[in-house]
Amino acid sequence: MRIVSTMAMALALGGALVAAPGYAAKKEDKAAASKATPAVHKAAFEAQKAAEAGDIPTALTNYNAAKAAIANDDDKFMVGQIGYAIYQKNKDEALQGEAIDLMVSSGKAPAETQAKLLVAQGQIAYNKRDYAKALTALQAAQAAGAPDADVIPMIVEANAASGQTLQALKVLDAGITKLRAANQPVPIEWFQRGIAIGYRAKANPADIPAINNATLEISKQWVAADPQKKNWSAALQIYQEQFKLDNDARIDVFRLMRAAGVLSGDADYREYADLVYLRFPNEAMQVLQEGNSKGIVNLTGKSDASDVMGIVKGKVAADKASLPTTDKSARASASPKGAISTADAYVGYGQYQQAVDLYKVALTKSGVDAGLVNLHMGWALALAGDTAGAKAAFAAVTGPRKPIADFWVIHLDHPTTANAAAS
């Protein structure tokens, strides 16, 4: 979400703003010029003539005389035009800002030109860190019909720079929604900038939950629009940090990352294995073996990974053999915990139908966390290749794990792509 430089904005405005007041060729220009008071008209004429001859000191002298004689809005517009014409010669940014302010305040510019002037006014104010003025101008530009692509990034940045992080994200979300409603593509940098603003927020503590939720929603849209591995990894990392997930929720995120193929380094594989090896030894073993096969995890020599691998290798056979017994006990128990844990273990061994059956049993038990069970059922069904069933299970997830279910659905609808080559 790049902010255009003041110079670039000046070039964008160009000479279209400047009509020669004294000897314009077009009839409409002469008519506009005639509305100015005689003193302003005469001084403006001399200023423009000097500017075109390259005599900037004389042009400025007459410009100041014209400015001093301003008596009405037509005078303001003419003096602003001449000031801008001189700016195009001497590149005095203070003069540029003054000229644009005069034209804006006159209200005499044609509608399309007024919108451009307001954009330029907002840009100049932003560069001067006058964020209140920038926001006033840019919001007026938007109301006047300036293209969203010109104003939304700057409104977002002005809000963010003035500490209004939540408002910045709200503006961005509204802009994204508007573009999508019009079937227009959303620039990928809009998502990236919104996430950066939300992630780095140093806001009023009362705003933090809303900022985190807004960042989460932008993150979801980002990976749906551009599902590169690095984007998935970044989005899920930010989600974990902002929402301070407990270990069980982090396991759920790692399971999604593994399915999406976005475990991004040795630390991811080792942390995943560390979180599950005591309860689900086969899942830990598979994770470490996968990381090793990709050349990411070193299982030779003395290391945490090799230690964990040594432990789980000796537990897998007995753990798998115990499943029929734990399954029977889980079904008979009044608590859902055994059914959930045993179903999770079934998934680790690739026994997806057994897992789904047991998750359904868990849902019938008193005190069950239905959101958790539906999330894990969706996980099993997704790995089994039952996309429709998985999405139905994820749709039933409510509560704190709903974001993970939402990310799962995005993954199913938008398969991960390789990272784009650096340009």
Protein backbone atom coordinates (compact mmCIF):
# COMPACT_ATOMS: atom_id res chain seq x y z
CA MET A 1 0.00 0.00 0.00
CA ARG A 2 2.43 2.60 -1.33
CA ILE A 3 1.99 6.29 -0.60
CA VAL A 4 2.61 8.34 -3.72
CA SER A 5 5.22 11.06 -3.43
CA THR A 6 4.19 14.69 -3.51
CA MET A 7 6.11 15.15 -6.75
CA ALA A 8 4.32 12.23 -8.34
CA MET A 9 1.01 13.67 -7.25
CA ALA A 10 1.91 17.01 -8.76
CA LEU A 11 2.70 15.30 -12.04
CA ALA A 12 -0.61 13.46 -11.86
CA LEU A 13 -2.43 16.76 -11.48
CA GLY A 14 -0.41 18.21 -14.31
CA GLY A 15 -1.28 21.28 -16.32
CA ALA A 16 -4.96 20.40 -16.40
CA LEU A 17 -5.47 22.57 -13.34
CA VAL A 18 -3.93 25.64 -14.89
CA ALA A 19 -5.94 27.73 -17.32
CA ALA A 20 -4.32 30.90 -18.61
CA PRO A 21 -6.48 33.63 -17.08
CA GLY A 22 -5.46 36.53 -19.25
CA TYR A 23 -5.26 35.14 -22.75
CA ALA A 24 -6.65 31.61 -22.76
CA ALA A 25 -7.67 30.42 -26.18
CA LYS A 26 -10.91 28.75 -25.12
CA LYS A 27 -14.06 30.79 -24.62
CA GLU A 28 -14.88 29.00 -21.36
CA ASP A 29 -11.45 29.96 -19.96
CA LYS A 30 -12.09 33.59 -20.81
CA ALA A 31 -15.47 33.42 -19.17
CA ALA A 32 -13.97 31.95 -16.03
CA ALA A 33 -11.23 34.55 -16.00
CA SER A 34 -13.69 37.40 -16.30
CA LYS A 35 -15.30 36.45 -12.98
CA ALA A 36 -12.18 37.45 -11.07
CA THR A 37 -11.89 40.99 -9.75
CA PRO A 38 -9.86 43.34 -11.98
CA ALA A 39 -6.94 43.70 -9.55
CA VAL A 40 -6.53 39.94 -9.23
CA HIS A 41 -7.02 39.40 -12.94
CA LYS A 42 -4.30 41.93 -13.84
CA ALA A 43 -1.75 40.65 -11.30
CA ALA A 44 -2.45 37.03 -12.25
CA PHE A 45 -1.97 37.87 -15.93
CA GLU A 46 1.42 39.44 -15.21
CA ALA A 47 2.42 36.54 -12.95
CA GLN A 48 1.61 33.94 -15.58
CA LYS A 49 3.35 35.86 -18.33
CA ALA A 50 6.50 36.13 -16.19
CA ALA A 51 6.38 32.48 -15.23
CA GLU A 52 6.12 31.39 -18.84
CA ALA A 53 9.12 33.60 -19.64
CA GLY A 54 11.10 31.96 -16.83
CA ASP A 55 11.20 35.12 -14.71
CA ILE A 56 10.21 33.48 -11.43
CA PRO A 57 10.97 36.46 -9.12
CA THR A 58 8.64 38.70 -11.12
CA ALA A 59 6.05 35.93 -11.29
CA LEU A 60 6.14 35.56 -7.51
CA THR A 61 5.88 39.32 -6.95
CA ASN A 62 2.74 39.48 -9.07
CA TYR A 63 1.40 36.28 -7.55
CA ASN A 64 1.69 37.80 -4.07
CA ALA A 65 -0.03 40.96 -5.30
CA ALA A 66 -2.86 38.88 -6.72
CA LYS A 67 -3.13 36.93 -3.48
CA ALA A 68 -3.31 40.13 -1.43
CA ALA A 69 -6.17 41.37 -3.61
CA ILE A 70 -8.37 38.28 -3.26
CA ALA A 71 -11.97 39.32 -2.65
CA ASN A 72 -14.06 36.26 -3.58
CA ASP A 73 -13.93 32.57 -4.45
CA ASP A 74 -13.29 33.20 -8.14
CA ASP A 75 -10.22 35.19 -7.12
CA LYS A 76 -9.04 32.30 -4.92
CA PHE A 77 -9.34 29.84 -7.76
CA MET A 78 -7.47 32.04 -10.20
CA VAL A 79 -4.67 32.82 -7.76
CA GLY A 80 -4.41 29.15 -6.89
CA GLN A 81 -4.09 28.26 -10.58
CA ILE A 82 -1.33 30.79 -11.07
CA GLY A 83 0.46 29.68 -7.92
CA TYR A 84 0.38 26.11 -9.18
CA ALA A 85 1.72 27.20 -12.56
CA ILE A 86 4.66 28.90 -10.85
CA TYR A 87 5.23 25.82 -8.67
CA GLN A 88 5.57 23.76 -11.84
CA LYS A 89 8.47 26.03 -12.77
CA ASN A 90 10.27 26.40 -9.43
CA LYS A 91 9.13 23.22 -7.60
CA ASP A 92 8.53 25.13 -4.37
CA GLU A 93 6.45 22.62 -2.38
CA ALA A 94 5.22 25.28 0.03
CA LEU A 95 3.80 27.18 -2.92
CA GLN A 96 2.28 24.01 -4.29
CA GLY A 97 0.44 23.38 -1.02
CA GLU A 98 -0.75 26.97 -0.78
CA ALA A 99 -1.98 26.95 -4.37
CA ILE A 100 -3.89 23.73 -3.92
CA ASP A 101 -5.42 24.96 -0.67
CA LEU A 102 -6.65 28.09 -2.46
CA MET A 103 -8.21 26.12 -5.30
CA VAL A 104 -9.85 23.62 -2.93
CA SER A 105 -11.28 26.29 -0.65
CA SER A 106 -12.64 28.25 -3.62
CA GLY A 107 -15.01 25.46 -4.57
CA LYS A 108 -14.74 26.63 -8.17
CA ALA A 109 -12.92 23.71 -9.70
CA PRO A 110 -14.89 21.30 -11.91
CA ALA A 111 -15.95 18.19 -9.98
CA GLU A 112 -13.30 15.87 -11.41
CA THR A 113 -10.57 18.44 -10.83
CA GLN A 114 -11.80 19.13 -7.29
CA ALA A 115 -11.47 15.44 -6.46
CA LYS A 116 -7.87 15.46 -7.75
CA LEU A 117 -7.11 18.61 -5.81
CA LEU A 118 -8.40 17.07 -2.61
CA VAL A 119 -6.27 13.97 -3.16
CA ALA A 120 -3.22 16.18 -3.66
CA GLN A 121 -4.09 18.25 -0.60
CA GLY A 122 -4.37 15.11 1.47
CA GLN A 123 -1.08 13.78 0.15
CA ILE A 124 0.75 17.00 0.97
CA ALA A 125 -0.74 17.14 4.47
CA TYR A 126 0.23 13.51 5.06
CA ASN A 127 3.82 14.22 4.03
CA LYS A 128 3.84 17.08 6.54
CA ARG A 129 2.43 14.73 9.20
CA ASP A 130 -0.70 16.82 9.47
CA TYR A 131 -2.86 13.72 9.63
CA ALA A 132 -6.06 15.48 10.67
CA LYS A 133 -5.94 17.70 7.58
CA ALA A 134 -4.94 14.75 5.43
CA LEU A 135 -7.94 12.72 6.58
CA THR A 136 -10.34 15.61 6.05
CA ALA A 137 -9.08 16.15 2.51
CA LEU A 138 -8.93 12.49 1.56
CA GLN A 139 -12.38 11.70 2.90
CA ALA A 140 -13.72 14.68 0.95
CA ALA A 141 -11.90 13.41 -2.14
CA GLN A 142 -13.53 10.01 -1.73
CA ALA A 143 -16.95 11.65 -1.40
CA ALA A 144 -16.18 13.71 -4.51
CA GLY A 145 -15.59 10.58 -6.54
CA ALA A 146 -11.83 10.12 -6.43
CA PRO A 147 -10.89 6.52 -7.30
CA ASP A 148 -10.71 4.23 -4.28
CA ALA A 149 -7.28 3.07 -5.36
CA ASP A 150 -6.03 6.65 -4.95
CA VAL A 151 -7.58 7.46 -1.58
CA ILE A 152 -8.12 4.32 0.47
CA PRO A 153 -4.41 3.52 0.93
CA MET A 154 -3.74 7.08 2.08
CA ILE A 155 -6.73 7.18 4.43
CA VAL A 156 -5.54 3.92 5.95
CA GLU A 157 -1.99 5.23 6.35
CA ALA A 158 -3.11 8.56 7.81
CA ASN A 159 -5.25 6.78 10.39
CA ALA A 160 -2.44 4.37 11.24
CA ALA A 161 0.15 7.13 11.48
CA SER A 162 -2.06 9.10 13.85
CA GLY A 163 -2.50 6.11 16.13
CA GLN A 164 -6.01 5.22 14.95
CA THR A 165 -5.13 1.61 14.20
CA LEU A 166 -8.60 0.18 14.52
CA GLN A 167 -10.07 2.87 12.29
CA ALA A 168 -7.35 2.22 9.72
CA LEU A 169 -8.31 -1.45 9.60
CA LYS A 170 -12.01 -0.63 9.38
CA VAL A 171 -11.39 1.65 6.40
CA LEU A 172 -9.29 -1.01 4.73
CA ASP A 173 -11.88 -3.72 5.33
CA ALA A 174 -14.61 -1.49 3.90
CA GLY A 175 -12.45 -0.81 0.86
CA ILE A 176 -11.78 -4.49 0.30
CA THR A 177 -15.48 -5.28 0.65
CA LYS A 178 -16.38 -2.55 -1.83
CA LEU A 179 -13.92 -3.79 -4.44
CA ARG A 180 -15.11 -7.36 -4.06
CA ALA A 181 -18.75 -6.34 -4.33
CA ALA A 182 -17.86 -4.70 -7.64
CA ASN A 183 -15.96 -7.85 -8.76
CA GLN A 184 -12.73 -5.88 -8.84
CA PRO A 185 -9.40 -7.39 -7.77
CA VAL A 186 -8.02 -6.31 -4.43
CA PRO A 187 -4.32 -5.37 -4.58
CA ILE A 188 -2.36 -7.96 -2.59
CA GLU A 189 -0.41 -5.17 -0.88
CA TRP A 190 -3.65 -3.97 0.72
CA PHE A 191 -3.86 -7.21 2.67
CA GLN A 192 -0.18 -7.14 3.51
CA ARG A 193 -0.28 -3.57 4.75
CA GLY A 194 -3.37 -4.18 6.85
CA ILE A 195 -1.76 -7.17 8.53
CA ALA A 196 1.40 -5.20 9.20
CA ILE A 197 -0.60 -2.34 10.74
CA GLY A 198 -2.61 -4.69 12.94
CA TYR A 199 0.35 -6.81 13.98
CA ARG A 200 2.50 -3.87 15.01
CA ALA A 201 -0.27 -2.00 16.74
CA LYS A 202 0.55 -0.06 19.89
CA ALA A 203 -2.97 1.00 20.63
CA ASN A 204 -5.29 1.62 23.52
CA PRO A 205 -5.55 -1.76 25.29
CA ALA A 206 -9.31 -1.59 24.94
CA ASP A 207 -8.91 -1.67 21.14
CA ILE A 208 -6.53 -4.64 21.02
CA PRO A 209 -9.19 -7.42 20.82
CA ALA A 210 -10.94 -5.64 17.96
CA ILE A 211 -7.62 -4.95 16.23
CA ASN A 212 -6.64 -8.60 16.55
CA ASN A 213 -9.98 -9.72 15.12
CA ALA A 214 -9.67 -7.27 12.23
CA THR A 215 -6.14 -8.46 11.52
CA LEU A 216 -7.35 -12.05 11.59
CA GLU A 217 -10.07 -11.35 9.04
CA ILE A 218 -7.60 -9.62 6.73
CA SER A 219 -5.21 -12.56 7.15
CA LYS A 220 -7.91 -14.99 6.06
CA GLN A 221 -8.65 -12.93 2.97
CA TRP A 222 -4.93 -12.65 2.23
CA VAL A 223 -4.26 -16.38 2.13
CA ALA A 224 -7.44 -16.95 0.13
CA ALA A 225 -6.31 -14.37 -2.43
CA ASP A 226 -2.64 -15.38 -2.48
CA PRO A 227 -2.16 -18.84 -0.89
CA GLN A 228 1.62 -18.97 -1.14
CA LYS A 229 3.41 -21.03 1.49
CA LYS A 230 5.13 -18.03 3.01
CA ASN A 231 1.82 -16.18 3.31
CA TRP A 232 0.17 -19.12 5.06
CA SER A 233 3.09 -19.45 7.44
CA ALA A 234 3.06 -15.72 8.26
CA ALA A 235 -0.71 -15.52 8.68
CA LEU A 236 -0.87 -18.49 11.04
CA GLN A 237 2.12 -17.29 13.03
CA ILE A 238 0.52 -13.88 13.55
CA TYR A 239 -2.75 -15.53 14.52
CA GLN A 240 -1.02 -17.63 17.17
CA GLU A 241 0.83 -14.65 18.59
CA GLN A 242 -2.08 -12.22 18.65
CA PHE A 243 -4.52 -14.67 20.21
CA LYS A 244 -1.98 -16.27 22.59
CA LEU A 245 -3.11 -19.82 21.81
CA ASP A 246 -2.71 -22.55 24.38
CA ASN A 247 -0.79 -25.71 23.52
CA ASP A 248 -3.84 -27.67 22.38
CA ALA A 249 -4.87 -24.91 19.97
CA ARG A 250 -1.29 -24.67 18.71
CA ILE A 251 -1.41 -28.39 17.95
CA ASP A 252 -4.54 -27.75 15.88
CA VAL A 253 -2.71 -25.02 13.98
CA PHE A 254 0.29 -27.28 13.36
CA ARG A 255 -2.01 -29.98 12.02
CA LEU A 256 -3.43 -27.49 9.56
CA MET A 257 0.05 -26.28 8.62
CA ARG A 258 1.16 -29.83 7.95
CA ALA A 259 -1.88 -30.57 5.80
CA ALA A 260 -1.35 -27.33 3.88
CA GLY A 261 2.35 -28.07 3.44
CA VAL A 262 3.47 -24.90 5.18
CA LEU A 263 5.55 -26.14 8.09
CA SER A 264 8.37 -23.77 7.34
CA GLY A 265 11.47 -24.88 9.17
CA ASP A 266 13.17 -27.07 11.72
CA ALA A 267 11.56 -25.19 14.60
CA ASP A 268 8.04 -25.87 13.29
CA TYR A 269 8.62 -29.60 12.96
CA ARG A 270 10.34 -29.92 16.32
CA GLU A 271 7.77 -27.86 18.20
CA TYR A 272 4.93 -29.82 16.63
CA ALA A 273 6.56 -33.12 17.64
CA ASP A 274 7.31 -31.83 21.14
CA LEU A 275 3.64 -30.91 21.64
CA VAL A 276 2.22 -34.29 20.62
CA TYR A 277 4.78 -37.00 21.34
CA LEU A 278 3.59 -37.90 24.84
CA ARG A 279 -0.02 -38.47 23.76
CA PHE A 280 0.29 -39.28 20.06
CA PRO A 281 3.65 -40.93 19.43
CA ASN A 282 2.91 -41.98 15.86
CA GLU A 283 1.89 -38.47 14.88
CA ALA A 284 5.16 -37.13 16.35
CA MET A 285 7.17 -39.81 14.55
CA GLN A 286 5.54 -39.04 11.21
CA VAL A 287 6.14 -35.32 11.64
CA LEU A 288 9.84 -35.82 12.38
CA GLN A 289 10.27 -38.31 9.56
CA GLU A 290 8.60 -35.91 7.15
CA GLY A 291 10.88 -33.09 8.23
CA ASN A 292 13.89 -35.34 7.91
CA SER A 293 12.89 -36.53 4.43
CA LYS A 294 12.76 -32.89 3.32
CA GLY A 295 16.22 -32.21 4.69
CA ILE A 296 14.84 -29.88 7.35
CA VAL A 297 15.08 -31.95 10.54
CA ASN A 298 18.32 -33.68 11.50
CA LEU A 299 17.67 -36.99 13.24
CA THR A 300 21.29 -38.04 13.54
CA GLY A 301 23.57 -37.28 16.45
CA LYS A 302 22.55 -35.75 19.74
CA SER A 303 19.60 -33.40 19.34
CA ASP A 304 16.14 -32.76 20.70
CA ALA A 305 14.63 -34.19 17.55
CA SER A 306 16.62 -37.41 17.71
CA ASP A 307 15.80 -37.78 21.41
CA VAL A 308 12.09 -37.46 20.74
CA MET A 309 12.34 -39.86 17.82
CA GLY A 310 14.04 -42.39 20.06
CA ILE A 311 11.22 -42.14 22.58
CA VAL A 312 8.31 -42.40 20.16
CA LYS A 313 9.76 -45.25 18.13
CA GLY A 314 9.61 -47.43 21.22
CA LYS A 315 6.00 -46.46 21.99
CA VAL A 316 4.23 -46.66 18.64
CA ALA A 317 3.58 -50.40 18.50
CA ALA A 318 2.06 -50.61 21.98
CA ASP A 319 0.09 -47.41 21.43
CA LYS A 320 -1.47 -48.71 18.23
CA ALA A 321 -2.25 -52.07 19.81
CA SER A 322 -4.09 -50.35 22.65
CA LEU A 323 -6.57 -48.53 20.40
CA PRO A 324 -9.33 -51.19 20.39
CA THR A 325 -9.31 -51.24 24.20
CA THR A 326 -9.30 -47.45 24.58
CA ASP A 327 -12.00 -47.20 21.94
CA LYS A 328 -14.27 -49.52 23.92
CA SER A 329 -13.62 -47.67 27.16
CA ALA A 330 -14.19 -44.30 25.52
CA ARG A 331 -17.58 -45.35 24.20
CA ALA A 332 -18.65 -46.55 27.62
CA SER A 333 -17.40 -43.51 29.51
CA ALA A 334 -19.72 -40.65 30.44
CA SER A 335 -16.90 -38.19 29.67
CA PRO A 336 -16.13 -37.16 26.09
CA LYS A 337 -12.39 -36.82 26.75
CA GLY A 338 -11.45 -40.44 26.07
CA ALA A 339 -13.42 -40.53 22.84
CA ILE A 340 -11.75 -37.35 21.57
CA SER A 341 -8.25 -38.49 22.51
CA THR A 342 -8.70 -41.95 20.99
CA ALA A 343 -10.20 -40.47 17.82
CA ASP A 344 -7.22 -38.11 17.56
CA ALA A 345 -4.93 -41.12 17.86
CA TYR A 346 -6.82 -42.90 15.08
CA VAL A 347 -6.19 -39.91 12.80
CA GLY A 348 -2.48 -40.15 13.59
CA TYR A 349 -2.53 -43.72 12.29
CA GLY A 350 -4.51 -42.82 9.19
CA GLN A 351 -7.62 -44.63 10.43
CA TYR A 352 -9.95 -41.81 9.49
CA GLN A 353 -13.30 -43.62 9.48
CA GLN A 354 -12.71 -45.02 12.97
CA ALA A 355 -11.81 -41.51 14.09
CA VAL A 356 -14.94 -39.95 12.61
CA ASP A 357 -17.16 -42.59 14.18
CA LEU A 358 -15.64 -41.91 17.59
CA TYR A 359 -15.89 -38.13 17.22
CA LYS A 360 -19.60 -38.61 16.60
CA VAL A 361 -19.80 -40.63 19.82
CA ALA A 362 -18.02 -37.82 21.66
CA LEU A 363 -20.64 -35.33 20.44
CA THR A 364 -23.35 -37.30 22.26
CA LYS A 365 -21.69 -37.04 25.66
CA SER A 366 -22.46 -34.52 28.37
CA GLY A 367 -20.15 -31.53 28.69
CA VAL A 368 -18.59 -32.01 25.27
CA ASP A 369 -16.81 -29.11 23.56
CA ALA A 370 -18.65 -29.45 20.26
CA GLY A 371 -16.46 -26.83 18.58
CA LEU A 372 -13.33 -28.81 19.34
CA VAL A 373 -14.86 -32.12 18.24
CA ASN A 374 -16.18 -30.71 14.97
CA LEU A 375 -12.79 -29.13 14.26
CA HIS A 376 -11.04 -32.47 14.76
CA MET A 377 -13.69 -34.29 12.75
CA GLY A 378 -13.12 -31.86 9.92
CA TRP A 379 -9.39 -32.53 10.19
CA ALA A 380 -9.98 -36.29 9.85
CA LEU A 381 -12.40 -35.91 6.94
CA ALA A 382 -10.09 -33.49 5.13
CA LEU A 383 -7.19 -35.94 5.40
CA ALA A 384 -9.51 -38.72 4.20
CA GLY A 385 -10.29 -36.69 1.08
CA ASP A 386 -13.93 -36.01 2.00
CA THR A 387 -13.86 -32.30 1.30
CA ALA A 388 -17.62 -31.78 1.49
CA GLY A 389 -17.85 -33.63 4.79
CA ALA A 390 -14.87 -31.74 6.16
CA LYS A 391 -16.35 -28.36 5.23
CA ALA A 392 -19.65 -29.31 6.86
CA ALA A 393 -17.82 -30.21 10.06
CA PHE A 394 -15.79 -27.01 10.01
CA ALA A 395 -18.96 -24.98 9.44
CA ALA A 396 -20.30 -26.37 12.73
CA VAL A 397 -17.33 -25.06 14.71
CA THR A 398 -18.11 -22.18 17.04
CA GLY A 399 -16.17 -20.59 19.85
CA PRO A 400 -12.45 -19.89 20.11
CA ARG A 401 -11.39 -22.50 17.53
CA LYS A 402 -13.59 -21.14 14.76
CA PRO A 403 -10.70 -19.21 13.18
CA ILE A 404 -8.77 -22.47 12.72
CA ALA A 405 -11.82 -24.05 11.09
CA ASP A 406 -12.12 -21.01 8.81
CA PHE A 407 -8.47 -21.36 7.80
CA TRP A 408 -9.09 -25.05 7.05
CA VAL A 409 -11.94 -24.17 4.69
CA ILE A 410 -9.75 -21.59 2.97
CA HIS A 411 -7.07 -24.25 2.53
CA LEU A 412 -9.59 -26.66 1.01
CA ASP A 413 -10.93 -24.00 -1.36
CA HIS A 414 -7.55 -22.44 -2.20
CA PRO A 415 -4.77 -25.06 -2.22
CA THR A 416 -1.34 -23.84 -1.23
CA THR A 417 0.92 -22.62 -4.02
CA ALA A 418 4.69 -22.42 -4.13
CA ASN A 419 6.32 -19.17 -3.07
CA ALA A 420 6.77 -16.79 -5.96
CA ALA A 421 10.33 -16.13 -7.02
CA ALA A 422 11.79 -12.88 -5.73
CA SER A 423 11.77 -10.21 -8.38
